[in-house]
Protein backbone atom coordinates (compact mmCIF):
# COMPACT_ATOMS: atom_id res chain seq x y z
CA MET A 1 -8.67 11.92 -26.32
CA LYS A 2 -5.94 11.86 -28.98
CA ILE A 3 -2.50 12.28 -27.46
CA PRO A 4 -0.13 14.49 -29.47
CA ALA A 5 2.68 12.34 -30.90
CA TYR A 6 5.25 15.05 -30.26
CA ASN A 7 4.72 14.92 -26.47
CA PRO A 8 6.53 11.76 -25.28
CA LYS A 9 5.67 12.36 -21.62
CA LEU A 10 1.94 12.41 -22.36
CA CYS A 11 2.29 9.36 -24.59
CA VAL A 12 3.86 7.43 -21.71
CA LEU A 13 1.06 8.56 -19.40
CA ALA A 14 -1.59 7.56 -21.91
CA ASN A 15 -0.16 4.04 -22.08
CA ASN A 16 -0.36 3.60 -18.33
CA LEU A 17 -3.38 5.68 -17.37
CA LYS A 18 -6.97 5.32 -18.40
CA GLY A 19 -9.78 7.43 -17.07
CA LYS A 20 -13.02 9.14 -18.00
CA ASN A 21 -11.24 12.47 -18.23
CA PHE A 22 -7.57 12.17 -19.09
CA LYS A 23 -7.06 15.94 -18.87
CA VAL A 24 -8.34 15.99 -15.27
CA VAL A 25 -6.04 13.13 -14.28
CA VAL A 26 -2.99 14.76 -15.87
CA ALA A 27 -3.84 18.14 -14.31
CA GLY A 28 -4.16 16.49 -10.90
CA LEU A 29 -0.87 14.66 -11.40
CA GLU A 30 0.88 17.92 -12.29
CA LYS A 31 -0.60 19.58 -9.21
CA LEU A 32 0.75 16.81 -6.97
CA LYS A 33 4.15 16.96 -8.67
CA SER A 34 4.31 20.71 -7.98
CA GLN A 35 3.98 19.94 -4.25
CA LEU A 36 6.83 17.43 -4.13
CA PRO A 37 9.83 18.34 -1.98
CA ASN A 38 13.04 19.51 -3.65
CA THR A 39 15.38 16.51 -3.72
CA ARG A 40 18.40 18.82 -3.65
CA LEU A 41 17.58 19.62 -0.04
CA TYR A 42 17.99 15.92 0.79
CA ALA A 43 21.06 15.12 -1.28
CA ASP A 44 22.97 14.18 1.88
CA CYS A 45 20.73 11.11 2.16
CA ALA A 46 22.94 9.58 -0.51
CA ASP A 47 26.25 10.90 0.80
CA TYR A 48 28.00 8.16 2.75
CA SER A 49 30.55 10.62 4.11
CA VAL A 50 27.67 12.05 6.16
CA SER A 51 26.90 10.35 9.48
CA TYR A 52 24.28 7.58 9.51
CA GLU A 53 22.20 9.50 12.04
CA LYS A 54 21.99 12.56 9.78
CA ARG A 55 21.23 10.50 6.67
CA ASP A 56 18.51 8.59 8.53
CA LYS A 57 16.97 11.81 9.85
CA LEU A 58 16.97 13.42 6.39
CA ALA A 59 15.47 10.29 4.79
CA GLU A 60 12.64 10.27 7.35
CA GLU A 61 12.00 13.98 6.79
CA TYR A 62 11.96 13.42 3.01
CA TYR A 63 9.51 10.53 3.43
CA LYS A 64 7.15 12.66 5.53
CA LYS A 65 7.29 15.47 2.94
CA LEU A 66 6.40 12.96 0.23
CA LEU A 67 3.45 11.68 2.28
CA ALA A 68 2.25 15.28 2.70
CA THR A 69 2.11 15.46 -1.11
CA PHE A 70 -0.31 12.52 -1.37
CA PHE A 71 -2.25 12.76 1.93
CA ASP A 72 -4.16 15.57 3.62
CA ASP A 73 -3.78 16.63 7.26
CA LEU A 74 -6.32 13.98 8.36
CA GLY A 75 -4.34 11.18 6.74
CA ASN A 76 -6.75 10.72 3.82
CA LEU A 77 -5.58 10.50 0.22
CA LYS A 78 -5.98 13.79 -1.61
CA LYS A 79 -8.63 13.90 -4.34
CA GLU A 80 -5.96 14.23 -7.04
CA ALA A 81 -4.16 11.15 -5.72
CA VAL A 82 -7.39 9.11 -5.77
CA GLU A 83 -8.19 10.22 -9.33
CA PHE A 84 -4.66 9.31 -10.37
CA MET A 85 -4.83 5.86 -8.73
CA ASP A 86 -8.26 5.28 -10.34
CA ALA A 87 -6.61 5.76 -13.72
CA VAL A 88 -3.46 3.70 -13.15
CA ARG A 89 -3.17 0.48 -15.15
CA VAL A 90 -0.88 -2.30 -13.89
CA ASP A 91 0.86 -4.90 -16.06
CA VAL A 92 -0.53 -8.34 -15.16
CA GLY A 93 1.83 -10.43 -17.29
CA GLN A 94 -0.82 -11.81 -19.65
CA ASN A 95 -0.12 -10.81 -23.27
CA ASN A 96 1.09 -7.43 -22.03
CA SER A 97 -2.42 -6.70 -20.75
CA LYS A 98 -3.04 -4.00 -18.18
CA LYS A 99 -5.72 -3.82 -15.50
CA SER A 100 -6.79 -1.28 -12.94
CA ILE A 101 -6.09 -1.95 -9.27
CA ARG A 102 -9.85 -2.21 -8.76
CA GLU A 103 -10.09 -4.94 -11.43
CA ILE A 104 -7.20 -6.93 -9.96
CA ILE A 105 -8.79 -6.87 -6.50
CA LYS A 106 -12.24 -7.79 -7.84
CA ASN A 107 -10.88 -10.72 -9.86
CA SER A 108 -9.08 -12.08 -6.79
CA ILE A 109 -12.22 -12.41 -4.64
CA THR A 110 -13.81 -15.85 -4.96
CA ASP A 111 -16.52 -15.48 -2.32
CA LYS A 112 -17.76 -13.23 0.49
CA GLN A 113 -19.14 -14.35 3.86
CA ARG A 114 -19.50 -13.15 7.41
CA LEU A 115 -16.54 -14.22 9.54
CA LYS A 116 -16.26 -14.35 13.32
CA GLY A 117 -13.61 -15.96 15.47
CA THR A 118 -10.43 -15.67 17.53
CA PHE A 119 -7.19 -15.26 15.59
CA PHE A 120 -3.52 -14.70 16.44
CA HIS A 121 -1.19 -11.85 15.46
CA ALA A 122 2.61 -12.10 15.66
CA THR A 123 4.40 -8.97 16.80
CA GLY A 124 8.08 -8.29 17.37
CA TYR A 125 8.30 -7.51 21.07
CA LYS A 126 6.08 -7.45 24.12
CA GLU A 127 6.41 -3.65 24.28
CA ILE A 128 5.04 -3.38 20.72
CA GLY A 129 2.19 -5.73 21.63
CA GLU A 130 1.33 -3.62 24.66
CA LYS A 131 1.28 -0.49 22.52
CA ILE A 132 -1.03 -2.17 19.97
CA ILE A 133 -3.39 -3.28 22.76
CA LYS A 134 -3.47 0.26 24.14
CA GLU A 135 -3.56 2.32 20.92
CA GLY A 136 -4.74 -0.11 18.24
CA PHE A 137 -3.18 -0.92 14.87
CA ASP A 138 -1.68 1.87 12.76
CA PRO A 139 -2.38 1.59 8.98
CA ALA A 140 0.76 3.63 8.30
CA LYS A 141 2.84 0.76 9.67
CA ILE A 142 1.38 -1.97 7.46
CA ALA A 143 4.31 -4.13 6.34
CA ARG A 144 2.89 -7.40 4.98
CA THR A 145 0.85 -7.06 1.80
CA LYS A 146 1.02 -10.39 -0.07
CA TYR A 147 -2.75 -10.91 0.22
CA GLY A 148 -3.63 -7.24 0.60
CA PRO A 149 -2.56 -4.24 2.68
CA GLY A 150 -3.72 -5.02 6.20
CA PHE A 151 -2.97 -6.55 9.57
CA TYR A 152 -2.18 -10.24 9.35
CA PHE A 153 -3.61 -12.84 11.71
CA SER A 154 -3.21 -16.60 11.81
CA PRO A 155 -6.11 -18.98 12.60
CA SER A 156 -3.78 -20.86 14.97
CA GLU A 157 -1.34 -19.76 17.64
CA GLY A 158 1.25 -22.15 16.18
CA GLY A 159 0.99 -20.39 12.82
CA ALA A 160 1.65 -17.00 14.42
CA LEU A 161 4.57 -18.37 16.42
CA GLN A 162 6.35 -19.10 13.14
CA TYR A 163 6.83 -15.35 12.78
CA SER A 164 7.50 -14.28 16.37
CA SER A 165 7.53 -15.62 19.92
CA CYS A 166 5.34 -12.67 20.93
CA VAL A 167 1.73 -13.30 19.91
CA LEU A 168 -1.50 -11.37 20.49
CA LYS A 169 -4.98 -12.88 20.49
CA GLY A 170 -7.77 -10.91 18.89
CA ASP A 171 -11.47 -11.41 18.16
CA LEU A 172 -12.29 -10.68 14.53
CA GLU A 173 -15.73 -10.10 13.08
CA GLY A 174 -16.79 -8.64 9.76
CA ASN A 175 -17.57 -9.16 6.11
CA CYS A 176 -14.83 -11.37 4.72
CA ALA A 177 -13.55 -11.79 1.16
CA PHE A 178 -12.15 -15.22 0.33
CA ILE A 179 -9.10 -15.12 -1.93
CA ASN A 180 -6.79 -17.82 -3.24
CA THR A 181 -3.96 -15.93 -4.89
CA PRO A 182 -1.30 -13.45 -3.73
CA PHE A 183 -2.92 -10.79 -5.90
CA TYR A 184 -1.22 -7.84 -4.26
CA GLU A 185 2.21 -8.82 -5.56
CA LYS A 186 1.04 -7.66 -9.01
CA ILE A 187 -0.05 -4.29 -7.66
CA THR A 188 3.14 -3.53 -5.73
CA SER A 189 5.69 -5.16 -8.02
CA SER A 190 9.04 -3.42 -8.47
CA GLU A 191 8.01 -2.63 -12.06
CA THR A 192 4.85 -0.87 -10.85
CA LEU A 193 6.72 1.13 -8.19
CA THR A 194 9.37 2.18 -10.72
CA LYS A 195 6.69 3.19 -13.22
CA LEU A 196 4.78 5.31 -10.68
CA ARG A 197 7.96 6.95 -9.40
CA LYS A 198 8.81 7.99 -12.96
CA MET A 199 5.30 9.31 -13.56
CA PHE A 200 5.77 11.56 -10.52
CA GLY A 201 9.27 12.51 -11.65
CA LEU A 202 10.80 10.69 -8.67
CA GLU A 203 13.75 9.09 -10.42
CA SER A 204 16.47 9.23 -7.79
CA CYS A 205 19.21 6.68 -8.47
CA SER A 206 20.69 6.59 -4.97
CA TYR A 207 19.20 4.21 -2.42
CA GLY A 208 19.13 6.98 0.19
CA LEU A 209 16.45 8.83 -1.79
CA ARG A 210 14.90 5.93 -3.69
CA GLU A 211 13.96 4.03 -0.52
CA PRO A 212 11.72 6.79 0.96
CA GLU A 213 10.24 7.45 -2.50
CA GLU A 214 9.24 3.80 -2.95
CA LYS A 215 8.00 3.70 0.64
CA ALA A 216 5.74 6.75 0.09
CA ILE A 217 4.42 5.44 -3.24
CA THR A 218 3.70 2.08 -1.59
CA GLN A 219 1.85 3.82 1.23
CA MET A 220 -0.32 5.63 -1.33
CA ILE A 221 -1.10 2.36 -3.13
CA ASN A 222 -1.84 0.59 0.16
CA GLU A 223 -4.27 3.21 1.42
CA TYR A 224 -6.01 3.46 -1.94
CA SER A 225 -6.39 -0.33 -2.20
CA ARG A 226 -7.50 -0.70 1.41
CA HIS A 227 -10.37 1.71 0.86
CA ILE A 228 -11.35 0.10 -2.45
CA ILE A 229 -11.65 -3.21 -0.58
CA MET A 230 -13.58 -1.69 2.34
CA ASP A 231 -15.72 1.00 0.72
CA GLU A 232 -16.47 -0.44 -2.73
CA PHE A 233 -16.43 -4.18 -2.07
CA GLY A 234 -17.70 -3.92 1.52
CA CYS A 235 -15.01 -6.22 2.97
CA ASP A 236 -13.51 -5.74 6.41
CA LEU A 237 -11.31 -8.83 6.14
CA ALA A 238 -9.87 -11.31 3.68
CA TYR A 239 -9.16 -14.99 4.25
CA ASN A 240 -6.60 -16.95 2.29
CA SER A 241 -6.21 -20.71 2.47
CA SER A 242 -4.35 -21.37 -0.79
CA SER A 243 -1.71 -23.38 1.07
CA ILE A 244 -1.12 -24.68 4.59
CA PHE A 245 1.86 -22.35 4.91
CA ASP A 246 0.02 -19.20 3.82
CA THR A 247 -3.32 -19.60 5.59
CA CYS A 248 -4.10 -16.21 7.11
CA CYS A 249 -6.72 -13.59 7.77
CA VAL A 250 -5.98 -10.04 6.64
CA VAL A 251 -7.78 -7.21 8.42
CA PHE A 252 -8.37 -4.05 6.38
CA ASN A 253 -10.82 -2.38 8.75
CA SER A 254 -9.36 -2.06 12.26
CA LYS A 255 -12.91 -1.79 13.64
CA ALA A 256 -13.26 -5.53 12.88
CA ILE A 257 -10.70 -6.24 15.65
CA SER A 258 -11.69 -6.35 19.32
CA ASN A 259 -10.49 -7.69 22.67
CA LEU A 260 -6.76 -7.76 21.89
CA ARG A 261 -4.79 -9.54 24.58
CA PHE A 262 -1.73 -11.71 25.18
């Protein structure tokens, strides 16, 4: 499709999106943008004369409204969000080349095998550990993503203790991708987050609004990538052993975790 030279917004999109039907992707993007919350209603997030409690409450409300733009009531990415993410191209730092998130993930997998064993997960406090044992892991609270958006386990208790004195044991079993590079840093780089925020028209300058915007965009990327890894590449887990300090097992499919205990 030839992009009209007089439409700078579409030209920018064309440089960063690539799909079978550009019109469908742009139409879906515009539909999502029309559902975004009005930032004027959350201007106090950036007003430091307002109490911290109020700013924090507004920022959380803004974040939840943003998530409702990208996710349906069941917590799944909306069709328009998936089509948009399918078309996104990320700068990979090689002669200004761009690749899809799917390509970056595929190129990072060196092998796939069945994995089974006991691993160790560091958590902040005993109360948090007890909640995880009772309710399971929550994908919405994924924080570490260096080797993919998942729940991080160490093959040794000593390795987990480097992160916290509270450690859970868990039995892991599933199809495992072997990786040897922190591929996800390319996908969630600050440049990528800034680019996606602009494409959605989320260009708040204040930290009070920018932080929930980046958090929501990151959550969309994480969930999209997690399902690409699970559904398209058939991997429940990933194992990295690129260095003694970074050896870890990342769980994408929570069903691969059983028998959590202290």
